[in-house]
Amino acid sequence: MSSRVAKYQLGQVVRHRFYPFRGVVFDVDPEFANTDEWWESIPAEIRPRKDQPFYHLLAENEETEYIAYVSEQNLLPDDTGEPLRHSQISELFDDLEDGVYRSRFVQEH
C-alpha cells in the first residue's frame, strides 16, 4: 500500500471547498483516522474517500474558532494572504509568510 504525499504542508492556510471557513494545517494523517460515525455524518454528496490525506486545522468562520478535520479533496489553498485570528495559532506557529505560518517547533532544512 502506498501513501500519497500530502498536498498541503504544516502551517499552510487553506479553505474548505464547500463550507465558508479557513484554517491553518497543524497535523496531517496519511489517510482517514477518525471514527466511522464521524465519516458517516458527512452529507453523502460530499463525503470524501478515506484513502487520502486528512488535515487537522485550526479553523475559523465568521462566527467562531474550532478544530476541523478535512479531507484533501475538500480543501483549496487560501490565497488571500489574510492572517487567521484563531487563538491557538500563537501556541504552534510564528509569523505568516507567503500564506504559510512558520512552525515554532520544526526547524527548516
N, C-alpha and C. Protein backbone atom coordinates (compact mmCIF):
# COMPACT_ATOMS: atom_id res chain seq x y z
N MET A 1 0.84 -1.19 0.00
CA MET A 1 0.00 0.00 0.00
C MET A 1 0.88 1.25 0.00
N SER A 2 0.62 2.14 -0.90
CA SER A 2 1.43 3.35 -0.97
C SER A 2 0.68 4.53 -0.40
N SER A 3 1.39 5.33 0.37
CA SER A 3 0.79 6.54 0.94
C SER A 3 1.00 7.69 -0.04
N ARG A 4 -0.02 8.50 -0.20
CA ARG A 4 0.12 9.68 -1.04
C ARG A 4 0.84 10.76 -0.26
N VAL A 5 1.56 11.56 -0.97
CA VAL A 5 2.23 12.69 -0.34
C VAL A 5 1.19 13.79 -0.12
N ALA A 6 1.18 14.33 1.07
CA ALA A 6 0.22 15.38 1.39
C ALA A 6 0.44 16.60 0.51
N LYS A 7 -0.63 17.14 -0.01
CA LYS A 7 -0.58 18.30 -0.90
C LYS A 7 -0.30 19.58 -0.12
N TYR A 8 -0.81 19.65 1.11
CA TYR A 8 -0.66 20.85 1.92
C TYR A 8 0.32 20.60 3.05
N GLN A 9 1.04 21.62 3.44
CA GLN A 9 2.08 21.49 4.45
C GLN A 9 1.63 22.06 5.78
N LEU A 10 2.32 21.66 6.84
CA LEU A 10 2.05 22.23 8.16
C LEU A 10 2.24 23.73 8.08
N GLY A 11 1.30 24.45 8.67
CA GLY A 11 1.38 25.91 8.67
C GLY A 11 0.69 26.58 7.49
N GLN A 12 0.32 25.80 6.48
CA GLN A 12 -0.31 26.39 5.30
C GLN A 12 -1.75 26.78 5.59
N VAL A 13 -2.15 27.93 5.07
CA VAL A 13 -3.53 28.39 5.21
C VAL A 13 -4.34 27.84 4.03
N VAL A 14 -5.47 27.20 4.38
CA VAL A 14 -6.33 26.58 3.38
C VAL A 14 -7.78 27.01 3.63
N ARG A 15 -8.64 26.71 2.67
CA ARG A 15 -10.07 26.97 2.85
C ARG A 15 -10.83 25.74 2.40
N HIS A 16 -12.03 25.60 2.92
CA HIS A 16 -12.87 24.45 2.56
C HIS A 16 -13.51 24.69 1.20
N ARG A 17 -13.60 23.64 0.43
CA ARG A 17 -14.17 23.71 -0.92
C ARG A 17 -15.66 24.06 -0.89
N PHE A 18 -16.40 23.58 0.11
CA PHE A 18 -17.85 23.76 0.14
C PHE A 18 -18.35 24.69 1.24
N TYR A 19 -17.67 24.68 2.39
CA TYR A 19 -18.15 25.44 3.54
C TYR A 19 -17.31 26.70 3.74
N PRO A 20 -17.92 27.76 4.28
CA PRO A 20 -17.22 29.05 4.39
C PRO A 20 -16.30 29.13 5.60
N PHE A 21 -15.22 28.34 5.59
CA PHE A 21 -14.23 28.50 6.65
C PHE A 21 -12.83 28.33 6.10
N ARG A 22 -11.89 28.94 6.83
CA ARG A 22 -10.47 28.83 6.52
C ARG A 22 -9.77 28.25 7.74
N GLY A 23 -8.55 27.76 7.54
CA GLY A 23 -7.80 27.25 8.67
C GLY A 23 -6.34 27.08 8.33
N VAL A 24 -5.56 26.80 9.37
CA VAL A 24 -4.13 26.53 9.19
C VAL A 24 -3.89 25.06 9.56
N VAL A 25 -3.13 24.37 8.71
CA VAL A 25 -2.83 22.95 8.92
C VAL A 25 -1.87 22.80 10.09
N PHE A 26 -2.25 21.98 11.11
CA PHE A 26 -1.33 21.73 12.21
C PHE A 26 -0.97 20.26 12.35
N ASP A 27 -1.62 19.38 11.60
CA ASP A 27 -1.27 17.96 11.60
C ASP A 27 -1.88 17.33 10.36
N VAL A 28 -1.29 16.22 9.91
CA VAL A 28 -1.78 15.52 8.73
C VAL A 28 -1.79 14.02 9.02
N ASP A 29 -2.89 13.37 8.69
CA ASP A 29 -2.97 11.91 8.70
C ASP A 29 -2.83 11.44 7.25
N PRO A 30 -1.99 10.43 6.97
CA PRO A 30 -1.82 9.98 5.58
C PRO A 30 -3.11 9.43 4.96
N GLU A 31 -4.00 8.95 5.81
CA GLU A 31 -5.33 8.56 5.36
C GLU A 31 -6.29 8.73 6.52
N PHE A 32 -7.57 8.54 6.28
CA PHE A 32 -8.60 8.76 7.28
C PHE A 32 -8.28 8.07 8.60
N ALA A 33 -8.38 8.80 9.71
CA ALA A 33 -8.07 8.24 11.03
C ALA A 33 -9.04 8.79 12.07
N ASN A 34 -10.31 8.81 11.72
CA ASN A 34 -11.34 9.26 12.64
C ASN A 34 -12.38 8.14 12.74
N THR A 35 -13.48 8.37 13.41
CA THR A 35 -14.48 7.31 13.60
C THR A 35 -15.38 7.17 12.38
N ASP A 36 -15.93 5.99 12.18
CA ASP A 36 -16.90 5.78 11.11
C ASP A 36 -18.13 6.65 11.34
N GLU A 37 -18.49 6.83 12.60
CA GLU A 37 -19.65 7.67 12.92
C GLU A 37 -19.42 9.10 12.41
N TRP A 38 -18.21 9.62 12.62
CA TRP A 38 -17.87 10.96 12.14
C TRP A 38 -17.97 11.00 10.62
N TRP A 39 -17.38 10.01 9.95
CA TRP A 39 -17.36 9.96 8.49
C TRP A 39 -18.77 9.90 7.93
N GLU A 40 -19.62 9.08 8.54
CA GLU A 40 -20.99 8.91 8.05
C GLU A 40 -21.86 10.14 8.33
N SER A 41 -21.41 11.02 9.22
CA SER A 41 -22.17 12.24 9.49
C SER A 41 -22.00 13.29 8.38
N ILE A 42 -21.03 13.07 7.50
CA ILE A 42 -20.81 14.00 6.38
C ILE A 42 -21.88 13.72 5.31
N PRO A 43 -22.50 14.76 4.78
CA PRO A 43 -23.50 14.53 3.73
C PRO A 43 -22.93 13.67 2.59
N ALA A 44 -23.70 12.68 2.17
CA ALA A 44 -23.22 11.70 1.20
C ALA A 44 -22.67 12.33 -0.08
N GLU A 45 -23.29 13.42 -0.52
CA GLU A 45 -22.86 14.02 -1.79
C GLU A 45 -21.47 14.66 -1.70
N ILE A 46 -21.00 14.94 -0.51
CA ILE A 46 -19.63 15.49 -0.39
C ILE A 46 -18.75 14.63 0.50
N ARG A 47 -19.21 13.44 0.87
CA ARG A 47 -18.43 12.56 1.74
C ARG A 47 -17.16 12.14 1.00
N PRO A 48 -16.01 12.36 1.62
CA PRO A 48 -14.74 12.09 0.93
C PRO A 48 -14.34 10.61 0.98
N ARG A 49 -13.44 10.26 0.08
CA ARG A 49 -12.80 8.95 0.14
C ARG A 49 -11.92 8.90 1.39
N LYS A 50 -11.71 7.70 1.93
CA LYS A 50 -10.88 7.55 3.12
C LYS A 50 -9.39 7.39 2.79
N ASP A 51 -9.08 7.05 1.54
CA ASP A 51 -7.69 6.75 1.16
C ASP A 51 -6.95 7.97 0.63
N GLN A 52 -6.97 9.02 1.41
CA GLN A 52 -6.28 10.26 1.04
C GLN A 52 -5.86 10.95 2.33
N PRO A 53 -4.94 11.90 2.24
CA PRO A 53 -4.57 12.64 3.45
C PRO A 53 -5.76 13.40 4.03
N PHE A 54 -5.81 13.43 5.35
CA PHE A 54 -6.78 14.23 6.09
C PHE A 54 -6.01 15.21 6.97
N TYR A 55 -6.51 16.42 7.05
CA TYR A 55 -5.80 17.51 7.70
C TYR A 55 -6.52 17.97 8.96
N HIS A 56 -5.74 18.19 10.00
CA HIS A 56 -6.23 18.79 11.24
C HIS A 56 -5.98 20.30 11.09
N LEU A 57 -7.04 21.08 11.23
CA LEU A 57 -6.93 22.52 11.03
C LEU A 57 -7.34 23.30 12.27
N LEU A 58 -6.62 24.38 12.53
CA LEU A 58 -7.12 25.41 13.44
C LEU A 58 -7.99 26.26 12.54
N ALA A 59 -9.30 26.06 12.65
CA ALA A 59 -10.23 26.64 11.67
C ALA A 59 -11.04 27.77 12.28
N GLU A 60 -11.58 28.59 11.38
CA GLU A 60 -12.46 29.66 11.82
C GLU A 60 -13.40 30.05 10.69
N ASN A 61 -14.59 30.48 11.09
CA ASN A 61 -15.51 31.10 10.16
C ASN A 61 -15.86 32.47 10.73
N GLU A 62 -16.86 33.10 10.21
CA GLU A 62 -17.18 34.45 10.70
C GLU A 62 -17.60 34.47 12.15
N GLU A 63 -18.19 33.37 12.64
CA GLU A 63 -18.74 33.35 13.99
C GLU A 63 -17.80 32.78 15.05
N THR A 64 -17.00 31.78 14.71
CA THR A 64 -16.30 31.04 15.76
C THR A 64 -14.98 30.46 15.30
N GLU A 65 -14.21 29.96 16.27
CA GLU A 65 -12.95 29.26 16.02
C GLU A 65 -13.10 27.84 16.53
N TYR A 66 -12.50 26.89 15.84
CA TYR A 66 -12.65 25.48 16.22
C TYR A 66 -11.56 24.65 15.56
N ILE A 67 -11.55 23.37 15.86
CA ILE A 67 -10.65 22.41 15.23
C ILE A 67 -11.46 21.67 14.16
N ALA A 68 -10.93 21.57 12.96
CA ALA A 68 -11.61 20.85 11.88
C ALA A 68 -10.74 19.70 11.39
N TYR A 69 -11.37 18.69 10.86
CA TYR A 69 -10.70 17.52 10.28
C TYR A 69 -11.24 17.38 8.87
N VAL A 70 -10.39 17.63 7.86
CA VAL A 70 -10.88 17.77 6.49
C VAL A 70 -10.03 16.96 5.52
N SER A 71 -10.71 16.31 4.58
CA SER A 71 -10.01 15.54 3.55
C SER A 71 -9.32 16.46 2.56
N GLU A 72 -8.26 15.95 1.94
CA GLU A 72 -7.54 16.74 0.96
C GLU A 72 -8.45 17.18 -0.19
N GLN A 73 -9.34 16.30 -0.63
CA GLN A 73 -10.20 16.64 -1.78
C GLN A 73 -11.14 17.79 -1.47
N ASN A 74 -11.39 18.09 -0.20
CA ASN A 74 -12.31 19.16 0.17
C ASN A 74 -11.59 20.44 0.59
N LEU A 75 -10.29 20.52 0.33
CA LEU A 75 -9.53 21.73 0.66
C LEU A 75 -9.00 22.40 -0.60
N LEU A 76 -8.85 23.70 -0.50
CA LEU A 76 -8.22 24.50 -1.54
C LEU A 76 -7.21 25.43 -0.86
N PRO A 77 -6.15 25.82 -1.57
CA PRO A 77 -5.23 26.79 -0.97
C PRO A 77 -5.96 28.12 -0.76
N ASP A 78 -5.64 28.79 0.33
CA ASP A 78 -6.22 30.11 0.57
C ASP A 78 -5.19 31.13 0.13
N ASP A 79 -5.52 31.91 -0.88
CA ASP A 79 -4.54 32.86 -1.43
C ASP A 79 -4.85 34.30 -1.07
N THR A 80 -5.65 34.49 0.00
CA THR A 80 -5.98 35.86 0.39
C THR A 80 -4.80 36.56 1.06
N GLY A 81 -3.90 35.79 1.67
CA GLY A 81 -2.80 36.39 2.41
C GLY A 81 -3.22 36.96 3.75
N GLU A 82 -4.51 36.81 4.10
CA GLU A 82 -5.03 37.33 5.35
C GLU A 82 -4.67 36.41 6.51
N PRO A 83 -4.18 36.95 7.63
CA PRO A 83 -3.89 36.11 8.79
C PRO A 83 -5.18 35.59 9.41
N LEU A 84 -5.07 34.51 10.13
CA LEU A 84 -6.20 33.95 10.86
C LEU A 84 -6.19 34.51 12.27
N ARG A 85 -7.35 34.51 12.91
CA ARG A 85 -7.44 35.05 14.29
C ARG A 85 -7.47 33.95 15.33
N HIS A 86 -7.47 32.67 14.92
CA HIS A 86 -7.64 31.56 15.85
C HIS A 86 -6.69 31.71 17.05
N SER A 87 -7.23 31.58 18.24
CA SER A 87 -6.47 31.86 19.46
C SER A 87 -5.32 30.88 19.70
N GLN A 88 -5.35 29.68 19.11
CA GLN A 88 -4.28 28.70 19.35
C GLN A 88 -3.12 28.81 18.37
N ILE A 89 -3.24 29.64 17.35
CA ILE A 89 -2.17 29.74 16.36
C ILE A 89 -0.85 30.12 16.99
N SER A 90 -0.86 31.07 17.91
CA SER A 90 0.39 31.53 18.52
C SER A 90 1.07 30.46 19.37
N GLU A 91 0.31 29.41 19.77
CA GLU A 91 0.92 28.31 20.53
C GLU A 91 1.77 27.41 19.63
N LEU A 92 1.43 27.36 18.36
CA LEU A 92 2.09 26.43 17.44
C LEU A 92 2.95 27.10 16.38
N PHE A 93 2.60 28.34 16.04
CA PHE A 93 3.23 28.98 14.89
C PHE A 93 3.72 30.39 15.20
N ASP A 94 4.70 30.81 14.40
CA ASP A 94 5.18 32.18 14.43
C ASP A 94 4.48 32.96 13.32
N ASP A 95 5.19 33.85 12.68
CA ASP A 95 4.60 34.76 11.70
C ASP A 95 4.11 34.05 10.44
N LEU A 96 3.14 34.68 9.79
CA LEU A 96 2.63 34.25 8.49
C LEU A 96 3.51 34.84 7.41
N GLU A 97 4.07 33.97 6.56
CA GLU A 97 4.90 34.44 5.44
C GLU A 97 4.48 33.71 4.18
N ASP A 98 4.06 34.46 3.17
CA ASP A 98 3.64 33.88 1.89
C ASP A 98 2.58 32.80 2.05
N GLY A 99 1.59 33.04 2.90
CA GLY A 99 0.49 32.11 3.07
C GLY A 99 0.78 30.90 3.95
N VAL A 100 1.95 30.90 4.60
CA VAL A 100 2.33 29.77 5.46
C VAL A 100 2.82 30.31 6.80
N TYR A 101 2.25 29.75 7.88
CA TYR A 101 2.75 30.08 9.21
C TYR A 101 3.99 29.24 9.50
N ARG A 102 5.03 29.87 10.01
CA ARG A 102 6.25 29.13 10.38
C ARG A 102 6.03 28.44 11.71
N SER A 103 6.38 27.15 11.75
CA SER A 103 6.21 26.38 12.98
C SER A 103 7.18 26.87 14.04
N ARG A 104 6.72 26.88 15.29
CA ARG A 104 7.59 27.26 16.40
C ARG A 104 8.54 26.12 16.76
N PHE A 105 8.24 24.88 16.33
CA PHE A 105 8.95 23.71 16.83
C PHE A 105 9.79 22.98 15.80
N VAL A 106 9.54 23.18 14.52
CA VAL A 106 10.26 22.44 13.48
C VAL A 106 11.22 23.39 12.79
N GLN A 107 12.47 22.98 12.73
CA GLN A 107 13.46 23.80 12.03
C GLN A 107 13.39 23.52 10.54
N GLU A 108 13.53 24.56 9.74
CA GLU A 108 13.57 24.38 8.29
C GLU A 108 14.90 23.75 7.90
N HIS A 109 14.87 22.90 6.89
CA HIS A 109 16.11 22.24 6.42
C HIS A 109 16.75 23.03 5.31
